[in-house]
Protein backbone atom coordinates (compact mmCIF):
# COMPACT_ATOMS: atom_id res chain seq x y z
CA MET A 1 81.75 76.44 85.93
CA MET A 2 83.80 75.63 82.16
CA LEU A 3 83.71 77.97 79.91
CA SER A 4 84.68 77.61 76.28
CA ALA A 5 85.87 80.62 73.71
CA GLU A 6 86.32 80.46 69.91
CA ILE A 7 88.63 83.76 69.42
CA THR A 8 89.62 85.11 66.08
CA LEU A 9 92.15 88.13 65.88
CA TYR A 10 91.82 90.69 62.59
CA PRO A 11 95.04 92.28 62.34
CA LEU A 12 95.20 95.82 61.94
CA GLN A 13 97.74 95.93 59.15
CA ASP A 14 98.91 95.03 55.54
CA ASP A 15 101.30 92.11 56.82
CA TYR A 16 98.48 90.55 59.71
CA LEU A 17 100.11 86.52 59.40
CA PRO A 18 102.81 86.95 61.62
CA VAL A 19 101.35 88.67 64.04
CA ILE A 20 98.64 85.95 64.19
CA VAL A 21 101.55 83.82 64.47
CA ALA A 22 103.53 85.55 67.57
CA PHE A 23 99.52 85.67 69.17
CA LEU A 24 99.37 81.91 68.77
CA GLU A 25 102.88 81.32 69.52
CA ARG A 26 102.57 83.56 72.88
CA LEU A 27 99.68 81.32 73.53
CA GLN A 28 101.22 78.53 73.62
CA GLU A 29 104.01 79.42 75.76
CA THR A 30 101.63 80.81 78.57
CA ALA A 31 98.17 79.35 78.33
CA THR A 32 97.12 77.45 81.24
CA VAL A 33 93.99 76.26 80.03
CA LYS A 34 93.48 73.75 77.37
CA PHE A 35 93.17 74.94 73.66
CA GLN A 36 93.03 74.09 69.49
CA THR A 37 94.00 76.19 66.92
CA PHE A 38 91.50 75.56 64.33
CA PRO A 39 92.20 77.34 60.11
CA THR A 40 89.85 80.64 60.95
CA CYS A 41 89.63 80.51 65.12
CA THR A 42 91.47 79.65 68.22
CA VAL A 43 88.95 77.53 71.12
CA LEU A 44 90.34 77.73 74.66
CA THR A 45 88.62 75.63 77.31
CA GLY A 46 89.01 75.97 80.92
CA GLU A 47 87.88 77.15 84.48
CA TYR A 48 85.89 80.49 83.69
CA GLU A 49 87.89 82.89 85.55
CA GLN A 50 90.98 80.92 84.10
CA VAL A 51 90.00 81.27 80.65
CA LEU A 52 88.71 84.96 80.71
CA LYS A 53 92.13 85.83 82.84
CA THR A 54 93.69 84.24 79.53
CA LEU A 55 91.57 85.90 76.58
CA GLY A 56 91.96 89.44 78.45
CA ASP A 57 96.12 88.73 78.56
CA MET A 58 96.65 88.00 75.60
CA MET A 59 94.81 90.58 74.02
CA ARG A 60 96.76 93.29 76.32
CA TRP A 61 99.96 91.28 74.80
CA SER A 62 99.41 91.60 71.48
CA HIS A 63 97.40 95.32 71.28
CA ASP A 64 101.10 96.17 73.85
CA THR A 65 103.51 93.66 70.91
CA HIS A 66 101.94 94.65 67.69
CA GLY A 67 99.06 97.90 67.99
CA LYS A 68 95.36 97.56 67.06
CA GLY A 69 93.65 94.54 65.58
CA VAL A 70 89.82 93.59 66.25
CA PHE A 71 88.73 90.37 68.55
CA VAL A 72 85.79 87.99 67.54
CA ALA A 73 84.83 85.94 70.47
CA LYS A 74 81.80 82.98 71.10
CA PHE A 75 81.75 81.88 74.57
CA LEU A 76 80.08 79.52 75.60
CA PRO A 77 79.10 79.31 79.63
CA GLY A 78 79.18 75.68 80.74
CA TYR A 79 80.32 74.11 78.02
CA GLU A 80 83.42 71.99 77.39
CA ALA A 81 84.34 72.38 73.77
CA ILE A 82 87.88 70.57 73.44
């Protein structure tokens, strides 16, 4: 089943922009699903399991690399957004 997920990262530090840029660069390097970045979010689309695995891997990497952050996500099962 296809899944589209919209995710927004809010780093919990004053200098937040480099954290967001690093997150997007890492996603570009490692993602096995389609994604598109917008001014306020990133949308990932692909097979259900692969989208969830990508999100999990990215959230763990972000926490391990940059510390605490808030992730807000919306999931649209069975829909290919991009």
